[in-house]
């Protein structure tokens, strides 16, 4: 075999090897299971999400409130089936309480009480905490704030709350995004948020 024949065979072997590597990189049957990050484009009515690069992935039971734009963890089995495990948390807010932006004259009550805050729980619920101070005149109903989009529920929830010493009212978490207190007599002095936990969907 001439040196030119050897060179041709070597080039062919290199080309075949490169094709095999590329095929393995794109085939889960060769590569095995894998995971990566993806961005949700649309949400299906059948329990799936479609990513911006065209992957259709089945949502895990814990991924309860998908939204377009979510950065999610997706994985693929060796048979080519995709799963969406859930959204990733921002590094600055993961597992932490975030302050609510109060409005309408409502302010943070201050020491020794918690600042009015919210936390998104892993089971698709939201917890509230803290004590908000009412404006000078706080006849019902009163809007404490507009909730961040991420914690606006699809249906309304109502909770008993204390609005002054020995005076109780109702805290409404509205599907419109407003957080209100009402159904009390006289003026409110504060609104207690501790113990409130509501469903998102």
N, C-alpha and C. Protein backbone atom coordinates (compact mmCIF):
# COMPACT_ATOMS: atom_id res chain seq x y z
N UNK A 1 0.86 -1.20 0.00
CA UNK A 1 0.00 0.00 0.00
C UNK A 1 0.88 1.24 0.00
N UNK A 2 0.60 2.13 -0.91
CA UNK A 2 1.42 3.33 -1.04
C UNK A 2 1.11 4.30 0.08
N UNK A 3 2.02 5.27 0.23
CA UNK A 3 1.83 6.28 1.27
C UNK A 3 0.58 7.12 1.01
N UNK A 4 0.26 7.31 -0.28
CA UNK A 4 -0.95 8.09 -0.60
C UNK A 4 -2.20 7.32 -0.21
N UNK A 5 -2.17 5.97 -0.39
CA UNK A 5 -3.31 5.14 0.03
C UNK A 5 -3.48 5.19 1.54
N UNK A 6 -2.36 5.14 2.25
CA UNK A 6 -2.41 5.21 3.72
C UNK A 6 -3.01 6.53 4.17
N UNK A 7 -2.63 7.60 3.49
CA UNK A 7 -3.16 8.92 3.85
C UNK A 7 -4.66 9.02 3.61
N UNK A 8 -5.12 8.43 2.50
CA UNK A 8 -6.56 8.43 2.19
C UNK A 8 -7.34 7.67 3.26
N UNK A 9 -6.83 6.49 3.63
CA UNK A 9 -7.49 5.69 4.66
C UNK A 9 -7.50 6.41 6.00
N UNK A 10 -6.44 7.11 6.32
CA UNK A 10 -6.37 7.85 7.58
C UNK A 10 -7.39 8.98 7.60
N UNK A 11 -7.51 9.68 6.45
CA UNK A 11 -8.50 10.76 6.36
C UNK A 11 -9.92 10.22 6.50
N UNK A 12 -10.17 9.04 5.87
CA UNK A 12 -11.50 8.43 5.95
C UNK A 12 -11.81 8.01 7.38
N UNK A 13 -10.82 7.45 8.06
CA UNK A 13 -11.02 7.03 9.45
C UNK A 13 -11.32 8.23 10.35
N UNK A 14 -10.61 9.33 10.11
CA UNK A 14 -10.85 10.55 10.89
C UNK A 14 -12.25 11.08 10.64
N UNK A 15 -12.70 11.06 9.39
CA UNK A 15 -14.03 11.56 9.05
C UNK A 15 -15.12 10.71 9.69
N UNK A 16 -14.93 9.39 9.65
CA UNK A 16 -15.91 8.49 10.25
C UNK A 16 -15.98 8.67 11.76
N UNK A 17 -14.83 8.85 12.36
CA UNK A 17 -14.78 9.06 13.80
C UNK A 17 -15.52 10.35 14.19
N UNK A 18 -15.30 11.41 13.39
CA UNK A 18 -15.96 12.68 13.67
C UNK A 18 -17.48 12.56 13.52
N UNK A 19 -17.93 11.84 12.50
CA UNK A 19 -19.36 11.62 12.32
C UNK A 19 -19.97 10.84 13.48
N UNK A 20 -19.23 9.86 13.98
CA UNK A 20 -19.72 9.07 15.11
C UNK A 20 -19.84 9.92 16.37
N UNK A 21 -18.88 10.80 16.58
CA UNK A 21 -18.92 11.69 17.73
C UNK A 21 -20.12 12.63 17.64
N UNK A 22 -20.34 13.20 16.45
CA UNK A 22 -21.47 14.11 16.26
C UNK A 22 -22.80 13.39 16.44
N UNK A 23 -22.90 12.16 15.92
CA UNK A 23 -24.14 11.40 16.07
C UNK A 23 -24.40 11.08 17.54
N UNK A 24 -23.37 10.72 18.25
CA UNK A 24 -23.53 10.42 19.66
C UNK A 24 -23.94 11.62 20.48
N UNK A 25 -23.44 12.79 20.08
CA UNK A 25 -23.75 14.01 20.82
C UNK A 25 -25.22 14.40 20.68
N UNK A 26 -25.86 13.99 19.58
CA UNK A 26 -27.25 14.38 19.34
C UNK A 26 -28.23 13.25 19.59
N UNK A 27 -27.76 12.06 19.89
CA UNK A 27 -28.64 10.91 20.09
C UNK A 27 -28.62 10.45 21.55
N UNK A 28 -29.76 10.58 22.27
CA UNK A 28 -29.78 10.14 23.66
C UNK A 28 -29.57 8.65 23.80
N UNK A 29 -29.91 7.89 22.76
CA UNK A 29 -29.69 6.45 22.82
C UNK A 29 -28.21 6.13 22.94
N UNK A 30 -27.38 6.97 22.33
CA UNK A 30 -25.92 6.79 22.41
C UNK A 30 -25.36 7.49 23.64
N UNK A 31 -25.82 8.73 23.83
CA UNK A 31 -25.28 9.57 24.88
C UNK A 31 -25.75 9.15 26.27
N UNK A 32 -26.97 8.59 26.36
CA UNK A 32 -27.57 8.30 27.66
C UNK A 32 -28.35 9.50 28.16
N UNK A 33 -28.86 9.41 29.39
CA UNK A 33 -29.66 10.50 29.95
C UNK A 33 -28.80 11.75 30.12
N UNK A 34 -29.48 12.91 30.10
CA UNK A 34 -28.77 14.18 30.18
C UNK A 34 -29.72 15.24 30.70
N UNK A 35 -29.20 16.37 31.18
CA UNK A 35 -30.04 17.48 31.60
C UNK A 35 -29.37 18.78 31.23
N UNK A 36 -30.19 19.85 31.15
CA UNK A 36 -29.67 21.18 30.87
C UNK A 36 -30.73 22.21 31.23
N UNK A 37 -30.41 23.48 31.04
CA UNK A 37 -31.35 24.56 31.26
C UNK A 37 -32.04 24.93 29.95
N UNK A 38 -33.29 25.37 30.06
CA UNK A 38 -34.04 25.83 28.89
C UNK A 38 -35.00 26.92 29.33
N UNK A 39 -35.54 27.65 28.36
CA UNK A 39 -36.48 28.73 28.64
C UNK A 39 -37.84 28.35 28.07
N UNK A 40 -38.89 28.47 28.89
CA UNK A 40 -40.24 28.10 28.47
C UNK A 40 -40.80 29.13 27.50
N UNK A 41 -41.33 28.64 26.38
CA UNK A 41 -41.97 29.52 25.40
C UNK A 41 -43.48 29.50 25.55
N UNK A 42 -44.06 28.29 25.62
CA UNK A 42 -45.51 28.15 25.75
C UNK A 42 -45.83 27.03 26.72
N UNK A 43 -47.06 27.11 27.29
CA UNK A 43 -47.53 26.10 28.24
C UNK A 43 -48.67 25.34 27.61
N UNK A 44 -48.56 24.02 27.54
CA UNK A 44 -49.61 23.20 26.96
C UNK A 44 -50.71 22.89 27.97
N UNK A 45 -51.87 22.48 27.48
CA UNK A 45 -52.98 22.11 28.35
C UNK A 45 -52.92 20.65 28.77
N UNK A 46 -51.91 19.94 28.30
CA UNK A 46 -51.77 18.51 28.57
C UNK A 46 -50.65 18.20 29.56
N UNK A 47 -50.22 19.22 30.31
CA UNK A 47 -49.16 19.00 31.30
C UNK A 47 -47.76 19.13 30.76
N UNK A 48 -47.63 19.74 29.58
CA UNK A 48 -46.31 19.91 28.98
C UNK A 48 -45.97 21.39 28.83
N UNK A 49 -44.70 21.66 28.62
CA UNK A 49 -44.23 22.99 28.22
C UNK A 49 -43.37 22.83 26.98
N UNK A 50 -43.36 23.85 26.14
CA UNK A 50 -42.49 23.87 24.97
C UNK A 50 -41.45 24.95 25.18
N UNK A 51 -40.20 24.62 24.98
CA UNK A 51 -39.12 25.57 25.21
C UNK A 51 -38.87 26.40 23.95
N UNK A 52 -38.06 27.43 24.11
CA UNK A 52 -37.77 28.32 22.98
C UNK A 52 -37.00 27.63 21.87
N UNK A 53 -36.36 26.49 22.19
CA UNK A 53 -35.65 25.75 21.14
C UNK A 53 -36.42 24.50 20.70
N UNK A 54 -37.76 24.49 20.99
CA UNK A 54 -38.61 23.48 20.41
C UNK A 54 -38.77 22.18 21.17
N UNK A 55 -38.23 22.08 22.37
CA UNK A 55 -38.38 20.85 23.15
C UNK A 55 -39.76 20.83 23.81
N UNK A 56 -40.46 19.72 23.69
CA UNK A 56 -41.73 19.52 24.38
C UNK A 56 -41.45 18.60 25.56
N UNK A 57 -41.61 19.13 26.77
CA UNK A 57 -41.24 18.39 27.98
C UNK A 57 -42.44 18.24 28.91
N UNK A 58 -42.59 17.07 29.48
CA UNK A 58 -43.64 16.82 30.47
C UNK A 58 -43.26 17.46 31.79
N UNK A 59 -44.20 18.22 32.38
CA UNK A 59 -43.92 18.86 33.67
C UNK A 59 -43.94 17.85 34.80
N UNK A 60 -43.01 17.99 35.74
CA UNK A 60 -43.04 17.22 36.97
C UNK A 60 -44.20 17.73 37.82
N UNK A 61 -44.68 16.88 38.75
CA UNK A 61 -45.82 17.26 39.59
C UNK A 61 -45.51 18.48 40.45
N UNK A 62 -44.24 18.71 40.74
CA UNK A 62 -43.86 19.84 41.58
C UNK A 62 -43.76 21.16 40.81
N UNK A 63 -43.80 21.10 39.47
CA UNK A 63 -43.75 22.31 38.65
C UNK A 63 -45.19 22.74 38.40
N UNK A 64 -45.77 23.45 39.38
CA UNK A 64 -47.20 23.69 39.41
C UNK A 64 -47.65 24.93 38.65
N UNK A 65 -46.81 25.93 38.58
CA UNK A 65 -47.25 27.21 38.02
C UNK A 65 -46.31 27.66 36.90
N UNK A 66 -46.29 26.95 35.78
CA UNK A 66 -45.38 27.33 34.69
C UNK A 66 -45.78 28.65 34.07
N UNK A 67 -44.81 29.37 33.58
CA UNK A 67 -45.06 30.65 32.91
C UNK A 67 -44.05 30.82 31.80
N UNK A 68 -44.48 31.45 30.71
CA UNK A 68 -43.56 31.75 29.62
C UNK A 68 -42.43 32.61 30.15
N UNK A 69 -41.21 32.26 29.76
CA UNK A 69 -40.05 32.99 30.23
C UNK A 69 -39.33 32.32 31.39
N UNK A 70 -39.96 31.30 31.99
CA UNK A 70 -39.29 30.57 33.07
C UNK A 70 -38.01 29.91 32.57
N UNK A 71 -36.95 30.02 33.35
CA UNK A 71 -35.76 29.22 33.10
C UNK A 71 -35.91 27.94 33.91
N UNK A 72 -35.93 26.81 33.22
CA UNK A 72 -36.23 25.54 33.87
C UNK A 72 -35.12 24.52 33.64
N UNK A 73 -35.11 23.52 34.51
CA UNK A 73 -34.22 22.37 34.33
C UNK A 73 -34.98 21.31 33.54
N UNK A 74 -34.45 20.91 32.41
CA UNK A 74 -35.05 19.83 31.62
C UNK A 74 -34.05 18.69 31.51
N UNK A 75 -34.60 17.47 31.47
CA UNK A 75 -33.74 16.29 31.32
C UNK A 75 -34.34 15.38 30.27
N UNK A 76 -33.50 14.55 29.70
CA UNK A 76 -33.93 13.62 28.65
C UNK A 76 -33.49 12.22 29.02
N UNK A 77 -34.39 11.25 28.80
CA UNK A 77 -34.05 9.85 29.07
C UNK A 77 -33.32 9.26 27.87
N UNK A 78 -32.80 8.06 28.04
CA UNK A 78 -32.09 7.41 26.94
C UNK A 78 -33.02 7.06 25.79
N UNK A 79 -34.35 7.07 26.06
CA UNK A 79 -35.32 6.80 25.00
C UNK A 79 -35.82 8.08 24.34
N UNK A 80 -35.29 9.24 24.77
CA UNK A 80 -35.62 10.50 24.12
C UNK A 80 -36.79 11.25 24.70
N UNK A 81 -37.30 10.87 25.88
CA UNK A 81 -38.41 11.57 26.52
C UNK A 81 -37.89 12.69 27.42
N UNK A 82 -38.52 13.88 27.28
CA UNK A 82 -38.08 15.05 28.03
C UNK A 82 -38.96 15.29 29.24
N UNK A 83 -38.35 15.75 30.35
CA UNK A 83 -39.06 16.16 31.56
C UNK A 83 -38.65 17.57 31.93
N UNK A 84 -39.63 18.39 32.35
CA UNK A 84 -39.35 19.73 32.89
C UNK A 84 -39.48 19.63 34.41
N UNK A 85 -38.36 19.78 35.11
CA UNK A 85 -38.35 19.58 36.56
C UNK A 85 -38.87 20.79 37.32
N UNK A 86 -38.76 21.97 36.76
CA UNK A 86 -39.22 23.18 37.44
C UNK A 86 -38.29 24.34 37.17
N UNK A 87 -38.77 25.53 37.56
CA UNK A 87 -37.98 26.74 37.31
C UNK A 87 -36.82 26.83 38.28
N UNK A 88 -35.78 27.51 37.85
CA UNK A 88 -34.65 27.79 38.71
C UNK A 88 -34.92 29.09 39.46
N UNK A 89 -34.40 29.19 40.66
CA UNK A 89 -34.59 30.39 41.48
C UNK A 89 -33.45 31.36 41.23
N UNK A 90 -33.79 32.64 41.25
CA UNK A 90 -32.74 33.66 41.16
C UNK A 90 -31.83 33.53 42.37
N UNK A 91 -30.53 33.65 42.16
CA UNK A 91 -29.58 33.43 43.25
C UNK A 91 -29.79 34.38 44.41
N UNK A 92 -30.33 35.57 44.13
CA UNK A 92 -30.51 36.57 45.18
C UNK A 92 -31.79 36.35 45.98
N UNK A 93 -32.73 35.52 45.49
CA UNK A 93 -34.01 35.37 46.17
C UNK A 93 -34.35 33.93 46.53
N UNK A 94 -33.50 32.99 46.16
CA UNK A 94 -33.81 31.58 46.38
C UNK A 94 -34.06 31.29 47.86
N UNK A 95 -35.29 30.83 48.18
CA UNK A 95 -35.61 30.41 49.54
C UNK A 95 -35.66 31.53 50.55
N UNK A 96 -35.82 32.76 50.12
CA UNK A 96 -35.78 33.89 51.05
C UNK A 96 -37.10 34.67 51.04
N UNK A 97 -37.33 35.41 52.11
CA UNK A 97 -38.47 36.32 52.18
C UNK A 97 -38.15 37.59 51.41
N UNK A 98 -39.13 38.04 50.62
CA UNK A 98 -38.98 39.25 49.82
C UNK A 98 -39.97 40.31 50.30
N UNK A 99 -39.54 41.56 50.47
CA UNK A 99 -40.44 42.59 51.00
C UNK A 99 -41.54 42.96 50.03
N UNK A 100 -42.72 43.21 50.57
CA UNK A 100 -43.83 43.73 49.78
C UNK A 100 -43.71 45.25 49.65
N UNK A 101 -44.09 45.80 48.52
CA UNK A 101 -44.07 47.26 48.34
C UNK A 101 -45.46 47.78 48.69
N UNK A 102 -45.57 48.39 49.87
CA UNK A 102 -46.85 48.88 50.37
C UNK A 102 -47.25 50.17 49.65
N UNK A 103 -48.55 50.46 49.65
CA UNK A 103 -49.06 51.65 48.95
C UNK A 103 -50.24 52.23 49.72
N UNK A 104 -50.80 53.34 49.21
CA UNK A 104 -51.99 53.93 49.80
C UNK A 104 -51.80 54.45 51.21
N UNK A 105 -50.58 54.83 51.57
CA UNK A 105 -50.31 55.34 52.91
C UNK A 105 -49.93 54.28 53.92
N UNK A 106 -49.99 53.00 53.53
CA UNK A 106 -49.57 51.92 54.42
C UNK A 106 -48.05 51.85 54.44
N UNK A 107 -47.49 51.60 55.62
CA UNK A 107 -46.03 51.57 55.79
C UNK A 107 -45.64 50.37 56.65
N UNK A 108 -44.34 50.15 56.73
CA UNK A 108 -43.81 49.10 57.60
C UNK A 108 -44.01 49.51 59.06
N UNK A 109 -44.58 48.64 59.88
CA UNK A 109 -44.82 48.98 61.28
C UNK A 109 -43.52 49.14 62.05
N UNK A 110 -42.55 48.29 61.73
CA UNK A 110 -41.24 48.42 62.37
C UNK A 110 -41.04 47.51 63.56
N UNK A 111 -39.93 47.70 64.24
CA UNK A 111 -39.53 46.89 65.40
C UNK A 111 -40.64 46.90 66.45
N UNK A 112 -40.93 45.74 67.04
CA UNK A 112 -40.23 44.45 66.96
C UNK A 112 -40.84 43.48 65.96
N UNK A 113 -41.62 43.99 64.98
CA UNK A 113 -42.36 43.11 64.08
C UNK A 113 -41.60 42.91 62.76
N UNK A 114 -41.94 41.80 62.08
CA UNK A 114 -41.35 41.53 60.78
C UNK A 114 -41.85 42.54 59.75
N UNK A 115 -40.98 42.84 58.80
CA UNK A 115 -41.37 43.67 57.65
C UNK A 115 -42.35 42.88 56.79
N UNK A 116 -43.45 43.50 56.32
CA UNK A 116 -44.38 42.78 55.44
C UNK A 116 -43.64 42.17 54.24
N UNK A 117 -43.74 40.85 54.11
CA UNK A 117 -42.95 40.12 53.11
C UNK A 117 -43.73 38.92 52.60
N UNK A 118 -43.20 38.33 51.52
CA UNK A 118 -43.78 37.12 50.96
C UNK A 118 -42.68 36.12 50.64
N UNK A 119 -43.09 34.86 50.55
CA UNK A 119 -42.17 33.80 50.12
C UNK A 119 -42.95 32.80 49.29
N UNK A 120 -42.41 32.43 48.12
CA UNK A 120 -43.03 31.40 47.29
C UNK A 120 -42.55 30.04 47.77
N UNK A 121 -43.49 29.18 48.10
CA UNK A 121 -43.17 27.85 48.62
C UNK A 121 -43.10 26.83 47.49
N UNK A 122 -42.40 25.74 47.74
CA UNK A 122 -42.20 24.73 46.72
C UNK A 122 -43.44 23.95 46.35
N UNK A 123 -44.51 24.06 47.15
CA UNK A 123 -45.74 23.30 46.85
C UNK A 123 -46.77 24.13 46.10
N UNK A 124 -46.35 25.26 45.53
CA UNK A 124 -47.27 26.08 44.76
C UNK A 124 -48.12 27.02 45.60
N UNK A 125 -47.70 27.28 46.82
CA UNK A 125 -48.38 28.23 47.69
C UNK A 125 -47.46 29.42 47.99
N UNK A 126 -48.06 30.47 48.53
CA UNK A 126 -47.31 31.66 48.93
C UNK A 126 -47.60 31.95 50.39
N UNK A 127 -46.58 32.27 51.15
CA UNK A 127 -46.74 32.66 52.55
C UNK A 127 -46.49 34.16 52.70
N UNK A 128 -47.26 34.80 53.58
CA UNK A 128 -47.07 36.20 53.91
C UNK A 128 -46.66 36.33 55.37
N UNK A 129 -45.97 37.40 55.68
CA UNK A 129 -45.51 37.62 57.04
C UNK A 129 -45.36 39.11 57.29
N UNK A 130 -45.42 39.51 58.55
CA UNK A 130 -45.13 40.88 58.92
C UNK A 130 -46.35 41.67 59.39
N UNK A 131 -46.10 42.91 59.80
CA UNK A 131 -47.14 43.81 60.27
C UNK A 131 -47.03 45.13 59.51
N UNK A 132 -48.16 45.53 58.89
CA UNK A 132 -48.20 46.79 58.14
C UNK A 132 -48.95 47.84 58.95
N UNK A 133 -48.45 49.07 58.94
CA UNK A 133 -49.05 50.17 59.69
C UNK A 133 -50.01 50.94 58.79
N UNK A 134 -51.23 51.20 59.30
CA UNK A 134 -52.26 51.87 58.51
C UNK A 134 -52.02 53.38 58.45
N UNK A 135 -52.56 54.04 57.43
CA UNK A 135 -52.52 55.51 57.39
C UNK A 135 -53.42 56.09 58.49
N UNK A 136 -53.39 57.41 58.66
CA UNK A 136 -54.13 58.07 59.75
C UNK A 136 -55.61 57.74 59.71
N UNK A 137 -56.19 57.76 58.52
CA UNK A 137 -57.60 57.40 58.36
C UNK A 137 -57.67 56.15 57.50
N UNK A 138 -58.18 55.07 58.11
CA UNK A 138 -58.17 53.79 57.40
C UNK A 138 -59.53 53.11 57.51
N UNK A 139 -60.55 53.79 56.98
CA UNK A 139 -61.86 53.17 56.90
C UNK A 139 -61.83 52.09 55.83
N UNK A 140 -62.65 51.07 56.03
CA UNK A 140 -62.65 49.96 55.08
C UNK A 140 -63.37 50.33 53.78
N UNK A 141 -63.00 49.64 52.67
CA UNK A 141 -61.88 48.69 52.54
C UNK A 141 -60.58 49.44 52.31
N UNK A 142 -59.47 48.80 52.63
CA UNK A 142 -58.15 49.39 52.46
C UNK A 142 -57.28 48.48 51.60
N UNK A 143 -56.57 49.07 50.64
CA UNK A 143 -55.63 48.32 49.81
C UNK A 143 -54.22 48.54 50.33
N UNK A 144 -53.60 47.47 50.79
CA UNK A 144 -52.25 47.56 51.35
C UNK A 144 -51.20 47.66 50.26
N UNK A 145 -51.40 46.89 49.16
CA UNK A 145 -50.39 46.87 48.11
C UNK A 145 -50.93 46.13 46.90
N UNK A 146 -50.17 46.21 45.82
CA UNK A 146 -50.39 45.37 44.64
C UNK A 146 -49.32 44.28 44.66
N UNK A 147 -49.75 43.05 44.61
CA UNK A 147 -48.82 41.93 44.71
C UNK A 147 -47.94 41.82 43.46
N UNK A 148 -46.70 41.38 43.62
CA UNK A 148 -45.86 41.09 42.44
C UNK A 148 -46.55 40.04 41.56
N UNK A 149 -46.34 40.13 40.26
CA UNK A 149 -47.00 39.23 39.32
C UNK A 149 -46.79 37.76 39.66
N UNK A 150 -45.61 37.42 40.15
CA UNK A 150 -45.28 36.01 40.43
C UNK A 150 -46.12 35.42 41.55
N UNK A 151 -46.76 36.25 42.38
CA UNK A 151 -47.53 35.70 43.51
C UNK A 151 -49.01 36.06 43.44
N UNK A 152 -49.48 36.48 42.26
CA UNK A 152 -50.91 36.76 42.09
C UNK A 152 -51.64 35.43 41.86
N UNK A 153 -52.64 35.10 42.69
CA UNK A 153 -53.35 33.82 42.53
C UNK A 153 -54.38 33.88 41.41
N UNK A 154 -54.81 32.71 40.97
CA UNK A 154 -55.85 32.66 39.94
C UNK A 154 -57.24 32.80 40.55
N UNK A 155 -57.37 32.59 41.86
CA UNK A 155 -58.65 32.76 42.56
C UNK A 155 -58.42 33.50 43.87
N UNK A 156 -59.49 34.09 44.38
CA UNK A 156 -59.42 34.89 45.60
C UNK A 156 -59.39 34.02 46.85
N UNK A 157 -58.64 34.47 47.87
CA UNK A 157 -58.61 33.82 49.18
C UNK A 157 -58.87 34.86 50.26
N UNK A 158 -59.52 34.44 51.37
CA UNK A 158 -59.83 35.35 52.47
C UNK A 158 -59.28 34.77 53.77
N UNK A 159 -58.74 35.65 54.63
CA UNK A 159 -58.14 35.23 55.89
C UNK A 159 -58.54 36.20 57.01
N UNK A 160 -58.80 35.68 58.21
CA UNK A 160 -59.05 36.57 59.34
C UNK A 160 -57.75 37.28 59.74
N UNK A 161 -57.85 38.53 60.13
CA UNK A 161 -56.67 39.27 60.55
C UNK A 161 -57.05 40.29 61.61
N UNK A 162 -56.08 40.71 62.38
CA UNK A 162 -56.29 41.74 63.39
C UNK A 162 -55.90 43.09 62.80
N UNK A 163 -56.77 44.10 62.95
CA UNK A 163 -56.49 45.42 62.38
C UNK A 163 -56.31 46.49 63.46
N UNK A 164 -56.61 46.15 64.70
CA UNK A 164 -56.40 47.02 65.85
C UNK A 164 -56.59 46.17 67.09
N UNK A 165 -56.31 46.73 68.26
CA UNK A 165 -56.45 45.96 69.49
C UNK A 165 -57.90 45.50 69.65
N UNK A 166 -58.09 44.18 69.68
CA UNK A 166 -59.40 43.54 69.85
C UNK A 166 -60.36 43.80 68.69
N UNK A 167 -59.87 44.27 67.57
CA UNK A 167 -60.70 44.49 66.38
C UNK A 167 -60.17 43.61 65.25
N UNK A 168 -61.06 42.82 64.69
CA UNK A 168 -60.66 41.88 63.64
C UNK A 168 -61.38 42.18 62.34
N UNK A 169 -60.73 41.86 61.26
CA UNK A 169 -61.30 42.03 59.93
C UNK A 169 -60.91 40.87 59.05
N UNK A 170 -60.97 41.09 57.75
CA UNK A 170 -60.65 40.06 56.77
C UNK A 170 -59.57 40.58 55.83
N UNK A 171 -58.59 39.75 55.56
CA UNK A 171 -57.55 40.06 54.58
C UNK A 171 -57.90 39.33 53.29
N UNK A 172 -58.10 40.09 52.22
CA UNK A 172 -58.43 39.51 50.91
C UNK A 172 -57.20 39.51 50.01
N UNK A 173 -56.86 38.32 49.52
CA UNK A 173 -55.82 38.18 48.50
C UNK A 173 -56.57 37.99 47.18
N UNK A 174 -56.60 39.03 46.37
CA UNK A 174 -57.45 39.05 45.19
C UNK A 174 -56.74 38.58 43.93
N UNK A 175 -57.52 37.97 43.03
CA UNK A 175 -56.97 37.51 41.75
C UNK A 175 -56.59 38.67 40.85
N UNK A 176 -57.02 39.88 41.20
CA UNK A 176 -56.62 41.08 40.46
C UNK A 176 -55.23 41.55 40.85
N UNK A 177 -54.70 40.98 41.95
CA UNK A 177 -53.37 41.36 42.42
C UNK A 177 -53.36 42.28 43.61
N UNK A 178 -54.53 42.74 44.05
CA UNK A 178 -54.57 43.64 45.21
C UNK A 178 -54.65 42.85 46.51
N UNK A 179 -54.04 43.40 47.55
CA UNK A 179 -54.10 42.84 48.90
C UNK A 179 -54.88 43.84 49.75
N UNK A 180 -56.05 43.44 50.25
CA UNK A 180 -56.95 44.37 50.93
C UNK A 180 -57.37 43.86 52.30
N UNK A 181 -57.71 44.82 53.20
CA UNK A 181 -58.36 44.50 54.48
C UNK A 181 -59.72 45.17 54.50
N UNK A 182 -60.72 44.46 55.01
CA UNK A 182 -62.07 45.00 55.11
C UNK A 182 -62.87 44.19 56.12
N UNK A 183 -64.18 44.48 56.19
CA UNK A 183 -65.09 43.82 57.12
C UNK A 183 -64.69 44.03 58.57
N UNK A 184 -64.34 45.27 58.92
CA UNK A 184 -64.04 45.62 60.30
C UNK A 184 -64.77 46.92 60.63
N UNK A 185 -64.89 47.24 61.90
CA UNK A 185 -65.56 48.46 62.32
C UNK A 185 -64.53 49.52 62.70
N UNK A 186 -64.87 50.80 62.40
CA UNK A 186 -63.97 51.90 62.74
C UNK A 186 -62.76 51.98 61.84
N UNK A 187 -61.67 52.47 62.41
CA UNK A 187 -60.41 52.63 61.67
C UNK A 187 -59.45 51.50 61.98
N UNK A 188 -58.75 51.07 60.95
CA UNK A 188 -57.67 50.09 61.15
C UNK A 188 -56.41 50.82 61.62
N UNK A 189 -55.67 50.17 62.48
CA UNK A 189 -54.39 50.70 62.95
C UNK A 189 -53.22 49.96 62.30
N UNK A 190 -53.45 48.70 62.04
CA UNK A 190 -52.43 47.87 61.40
C UNK A 190 -53.12 46.73 60.66
N UNK A 191 -52.33 45.92 59.98
CA UNK A 191 -52.83 44.68 59.37
C UNK A 191 -51.77 43.61 59.57
N UNK A 192 -52.17 42.52 60.23
CA UNK A 192 -51.24 41.43 60.51
C UNK A 192 -51.28 40.42 59.36
N UNK A 193 -50.11 40.09 58.81
CA UNK A 193 -50.02 39.18 57.67
C UNK A 193 -49.53 37.79 58.05
N UNK A 194 -49.01 37.66 59.27
CA UNK A 194 -48.44 36.36 59.67
C UNK A 194 -49.50 35.26 59.65
N UNK A 195 -49.12 34.10 59.14
CA UNK A 195 -50.01 32.96 59.09
C UNK A 195 -50.79 32.83 57.80
N UNK A 196 -50.71 33.84 56.92
CA UNK A 196 -51.43 33.77 55.65
C UNK A 196 -50.64 32.88 54.68
N UNK A 197 -51.34 31.92 54.13
CA UNK A 197 -50.74 31.03 53.12
C UNK A 197 -51.83 30.67 52.11
N UNK A 198 -51.60 30.99 50.85
CA UNK A 198 -52.64 30.78 49.84
C UNK A 198 -52.09 30.07 48.61
N UNK A 199 -53.03 29.44 47.87
CA UNK A 199 -52.67 28.74 46.64
C UNK A 199 -52.48 29.73 45.49
N UNK A 200 -51.58 29.40 44.59
CA UNK A 200 -51.43 30.21 43.38
C UNK A 200 -52.42 29.78 42.30
N UNK A 201 -52.64 28.47 42.15
CA UNK A 201 -53.59 27.96 41.15
C UNK A 201 -54.46 26.89 41.80
